Amino acid sequence: MLIRQLPLRSRLVTALNGGRPKWTTIEHLLADIWAVLVKLLGDPDKVPENIDHPVRAEMAANEKSEHKRALKERYLKRKSDRRRS
């Protein structure tokens, strides 16, 4: 069974996400709309220049660390395969 195919609100996915349910596509889109509205309608003196999707930085960091982990795993597998040869 692939964990990526589990429902976003499942207990396992929630547990793997630090106890928080994963966001659905609709929730991500709503967060993007919120960021755009804050930029457009907010007071320019009070709205930070870099306001963005509330969890985008966390998502990018998680994606980067997962990519690094996968690369390391592939490297170690190739290394162990070479030793066996």
N, C-alpha and C. Protein backbone atom coordinates (compact mmCIF):
# COMPACT_ATOMS: atom_id res chain seq x y z
N MET A 1 0.85 -1.18 0.00
CA MET A 1 0.00 0.00 0.00
C MET A 1 0.90 1.24 0.00
N LEU A 2 0.52 2.19 -0.79
CA LEU A 2 1.27 3.44 -0.87
C LEU A 2 0.65 4.47 0.08
N ILE A 3 1.48 5.06 0.90
CA ILE A 3 0.99 6.05 1.85
C ILE A 3 0.48 7.28 1.13
N ARG A 4 1.06 7.60 -0.02
CA ARG A 4 0.63 8.79 -0.76
C ARG A 4 -0.81 8.69 -1.25
N GLN A 5 -1.35 7.48 -1.31
CA GLN A 5 -2.71 7.30 -1.80
C GLN A 5 -3.74 7.26 -0.68
N LEU A 6 -3.30 7.36 0.55
CA LEU A 6 -4.24 7.37 1.67
C LEU A 6 -5.01 8.69 1.69
N PRO A 7 -6.23 8.67 2.22
CA PRO A 7 -6.97 9.92 2.34
C PRO A 7 -6.21 10.92 3.22
N LEU A 8 -6.29 12.19 2.87
CA LEU A 8 -5.55 13.23 3.60
C LEU A 8 -5.97 13.33 5.06
N ARG A 9 -7.19 12.94 5.37
CA ARG A 9 -7.69 13.04 6.75
C ARG A 9 -7.51 11.73 7.52
N SER A 10 -6.81 10.75 6.96
CA SER A 10 -6.62 9.48 7.66
C SER A 10 -5.73 9.68 8.88
N ARG A 11 -5.86 8.79 9.85
CA ARG A 11 -5.08 8.91 11.08
C ARG A 11 -3.59 8.74 10.82
N LEU A 12 -3.23 7.84 9.90
CA LEU A 12 -1.81 7.62 9.61
C LEU A 12 -1.19 8.86 8.98
N VAL A 13 -1.86 9.45 8.01
CA VAL A 13 -1.34 10.66 7.36
C VAL A 13 -1.23 11.79 8.38
N THR A 14 -2.23 11.91 9.24
CA THR A 14 -2.20 12.94 10.28
C THR A 14 -1.03 12.70 11.24
N ALA A 15 -0.82 11.46 11.63
CA ALA A 15 0.29 11.14 12.54
C ALA A 15 1.64 11.44 11.89
N LEU A 16 1.78 11.14 10.61
CA LEU A 16 3.03 11.39 9.91
C LEU A 16 3.27 12.88 9.66
N ASN A 17 2.21 13.68 9.78
CA ASN A 17 2.31 15.12 9.54
C ASN A 17 2.34 15.89 10.87
N GLY A 18 2.89 15.28 11.89
CA GLY A 18 3.03 15.98 13.18
C GLY A 18 1.72 16.19 13.91
N GLY A 19 0.73 15.32 13.68
CA GLY A 19 -0.54 15.43 14.37
C GLY A 19 -1.54 16.37 13.71
N ARG A 20 -1.15 16.96 12.58
CA ARG A 20 -2.06 17.86 11.86
C ARG A 20 -2.49 17.19 10.56
N PRO A 21 -3.78 17.27 10.21
CA PRO A 21 -4.18 16.70 8.92
C PRO A 21 -3.55 17.48 7.77
N LYS A 22 -3.24 16.79 6.69
CA LYS A 22 -2.68 17.46 5.51
C LYS A 22 -3.74 18.35 4.88
N TRP A 23 -3.29 19.40 4.23
CA TRP A 23 -4.21 20.29 3.54
C TRP A 23 -4.67 19.67 2.24
N THR A 24 -5.92 19.92 1.89
CA THR A 24 -6.45 19.50 0.59
C THR A 24 -6.09 20.56 -0.44
N THR A 25 -6.33 20.25 -1.69
CA THR A 25 -6.08 21.21 -2.77
C THR A 25 -6.89 22.48 -2.56
N ILE A 26 -8.12 22.33 -2.12
CA ILE A 26 -8.99 23.49 -1.90
C ILE A 26 -8.41 24.39 -0.80
N GLU A 27 -7.90 23.78 0.25
CA GLU A 27 -7.32 24.58 1.34
C GLU A 27 -6.07 25.33 0.89
N HIS A 28 -5.27 24.71 0.03
CA HIS A 28 -4.10 25.41 -0.52
C HIS A 28 -4.53 26.57 -1.40
N LEU A 29 -5.55 26.36 -2.23
CA LEU A 29 -6.04 27.44 -3.09
C LEU A 29 -6.62 28.58 -2.27
N LEU A 30 -7.36 28.26 -1.22
CA LEU A 30 -7.91 29.31 -0.35
C LEU A 30 -6.80 30.11 0.33
N ALA A 31 -5.74 29.44 0.73
CA ALA A 31 -4.61 30.15 1.34
C ALA A 31 -3.94 31.08 0.33
N ASP A 32 -3.83 30.64 -0.92
CA ASP A 32 -3.27 31.51 -1.96
C ASP A 32 -4.16 32.72 -2.21
N ILE A 33 -5.47 32.49 -2.24
CA ILE A 33 -6.41 33.61 -2.43
C ILE A 33 -6.31 34.58 -1.25
N TRP A 34 -6.20 34.04 -0.03
CA TRP A 34 -6.04 34.88 1.16
C TRP A 34 -4.80 35.77 1.03
N ALA A 35 -3.69 35.19 0.60
CA ALA A 35 -2.45 35.96 0.48
C ALA A 35 -2.60 37.07 -0.56
N VAL A 36 -3.26 36.76 -1.67
CA VAL A 36 -3.46 37.77 -2.71
C VAL A 36 -4.36 38.89 -2.20
N LEU A 37 -5.44 38.54 -1.50
CA LEU A 37 -6.36 39.56 -0.98
C LEU A 37 -5.67 40.45 0.06
N VAL A 38 -4.85 39.86 0.90
CA VAL A 38 -4.13 40.67 1.90
C VAL A 38 -3.21 41.66 1.19
N LYS A 39 -2.53 41.21 0.13
CA LYS A 39 -1.64 42.11 -0.62
C LYS A 39 -2.42 43.23 -1.29
N LEU A 40 -3.58 42.88 -1.87
CA LEU A 40 -4.36 43.88 -2.61
C LEU A 40 -5.11 44.85 -1.70
N LEU A 41 -5.70 44.33 -0.64
CA LEU A 41 -6.61 45.14 0.17
C LEU A 41 -6.00 45.63 1.48
N GLY A 42 -4.86 45.08 1.85
CA GLY A 42 -4.25 45.46 3.12
C GLY A 42 -3.57 46.81 3.05
N ASP A 43 -3.35 47.38 4.21
CA ASP A 43 -2.64 48.66 4.32
C ASP A 43 -1.19 48.43 3.91
N PRO A 44 -0.71 49.11 2.86
CA PRO A 44 0.66 48.88 2.37
C PRO A 44 1.73 49.11 3.43
N ASP A 45 1.44 49.96 4.41
CA ASP A 45 2.43 50.22 5.46
C ASP A 45 2.50 49.08 6.49
N LYS A 46 1.41 48.29 6.59
CA LYS A 46 1.36 47.24 7.60
C LYS A 46 1.57 45.84 7.04
N VAL A 47 1.30 45.65 5.75
CA VAL A 47 1.43 44.32 5.15
C VAL A 47 2.89 44.06 4.79
N PRO A 48 3.46 42.97 5.29
CA PRO A 48 4.85 42.67 4.94
C PRO A 48 5.01 42.44 3.44
N GLU A 49 6.16 42.78 2.91
CA GLU A 49 6.44 42.63 1.48
C GLU A 49 6.40 41.17 1.05
N ASN A 50 6.84 40.28 1.93
CA ASN A 50 7.00 38.89 1.55
C ASN A 50 5.86 37.99 2.02
N ILE A 51 4.66 38.53 2.25
CA ILE A 51 3.54 37.72 2.72
C ILE A 51 3.21 36.68 1.64
N ASP A 52 2.97 35.46 2.08
CA ASP A 52 2.73 34.37 1.13
C ASP A 52 1.81 33.34 1.79
N HIS A 53 1.55 32.30 1.05
CA HIS A 53 0.80 31.14 1.52
C HIS A 53 1.34 30.77 2.90
N PRO A 54 0.48 30.59 3.91
CA PRO A 54 0.94 30.42 5.28
C PRO A 54 1.92 29.26 5.52
N VAL A 55 1.84 28.21 4.73
CA VAL A 55 2.72 27.06 4.97
C VAL A 55 3.65 26.75 3.80
N ARG A 56 3.75 27.67 2.85
CA ARG A 56 4.58 27.41 1.67
C ARG A 56 6.05 27.19 2.03
N ALA A 57 6.59 27.98 2.94
CA ALA A 57 8.00 27.82 3.33
C ALA A 57 8.22 26.45 3.96
N GLU A 58 7.29 26.04 4.81
CA GLU A 58 7.40 24.72 5.44
C GLU A 58 7.29 23.61 4.40
N MET A 59 6.37 23.77 3.44
CA MET A 59 6.22 22.77 2.38
C MET A 59 7.49 22.67 1.55
N ALA A 60 8.07 23.80 1.21
CA ALA A 60 9.30 23.80 0.40
C ALA A 60 10.45 23.15 1.17
N ALA A 61 10.55 23.44 2.46
CA ALA A 61 11.62 22.85 3.26
C ALA A 61 11.44 21.33 3.37
N ASN A 62 10.20 20.89 3.57
CA ASN A 62 9.94 19.45 3.65
C ASN A 62 10.25 18.76 2.33
N GLU A 63 9.86 19.40 1.23
CA GLU A 63 10.13 18.84 -0.09
C GLU A 63 11.63 18.73 -0.34
N LYS A 64 12.37 19.76 0.05
CA LYS A 64 13.82 19.76 -0.15
C LYS A 64 14.48 18.66 0.68
N SER A 65 14.06 18.52 1.94
CA SER A 65 14.67 17.49 2.79
C SER A 65 14.30 16.09 2.30
N GLU A 66 13.09 15.91 1.80
CA GLU A 66 12.69 14.62 1.24
C GLU A 66 13.51 14.29 0.00
N HIS A 67 13.76 15.30 -0.82
CA HIS A 67 14.57 15.10 -2.02
C HIS A 67 16.00 14.69 -1.64
N LYS A 68 16.56 15.38 -0.65
CA LYS A 68 17.91 15.04 -0.18
C LYS A 68 17.95 13.62 0.38
N ARG A 69 16.92 13.25 1.14
CA ARG A 69 16.87 11.91 1.71
C ARG A 69 16.81 10.86 0.62
N ALA A 70 16.01 11.10 -0.42
CA ALA A 70 15.90 10.15 -1.53
C ALA A 70 17.23 10.03 -2.28
N LEU A 71 17.91 11.16 -2.49
CA LEU A 71 19.21 11.11 -3.16
C LEU A 71 20.22 10.31 -2.34
N LYS A 72 20.23 10.54 -1.04
CA LYS A 72 21.16 9.81 -0.17
C LYS A 72 20.85 8.32 -0.19
N GLU A 73 19.57 7.99 -0.17
CA GLU A 73 19.16 6.58 -0.21
C GLU A 73 19.62 5.91 -1.51
N ARG A 74 19.45 6.60 -2.64
CA ARG A 74 19.90 6.05 -3.92
C ARG A 74 21.41 5.88 -3.94
N TYR A 75 22.13 6.87 -3.41
CA TYR A 75 23.59 6.80 -3.36
C TYR A 75 24.05 5.60 -2.54
N LEU A 76 23.46 5.43 -1.35
CA LEU A 76 23.85 4.32 -0.49
C LEU A 76 23.51 2.97 -1.11
N LYS A 77 22.40 2.90 -1.83
CA LYS A 77 22.03 1.66 -2.51
C LYS A 77 23.03 1.34 -3.61
N ARG A 78 23.40 2.34 -4.42
CA ARG A 78 24.40 2.11 -5.47
C ARG A 78 25.73 1.69 -4.86
N LYS A 79 26.10 2.33 -3.77
CA LYS A 79 27.37 2.02 -3.11
C LYS A 79 27.37 0.58 -2.60
N SER A 80 26.27 0.14 -1.99
CA SER A 80 26.21 -1.23 -1.48
C SER A 80 26.15 -2.24 -2.63
N ASP A 81 25.50 -1.87 -3.74
CA ASP A 81 25.46 -2.76 -4.91
C ASP A 81 26.84 -2.94 -5.50
N ARG A 82 27.65 -1.89 -5.51
CA ARG A 82 29.01 -1.98 -6.05
C ARG A 82 29.88 -2.88 -5.18
N ARG A 83 29.69 -2.81 -3.88
CA ARG A 83 30.48 -3.64 -2.98
C ARG A 83 30.17 -5.13 -3.17
N ARG A 84 28.92 -5.42 -3.49
CA ARG A 84 28.51 -6.81 -3.68
C ARG A 84 29.04 -7.38 -4.99
N SER A 85 29.31 -6.50 -5.95
CA SER A 85 29.76 -6.96 -7.27
C SER A 85 31.19 -7.39 -7.28
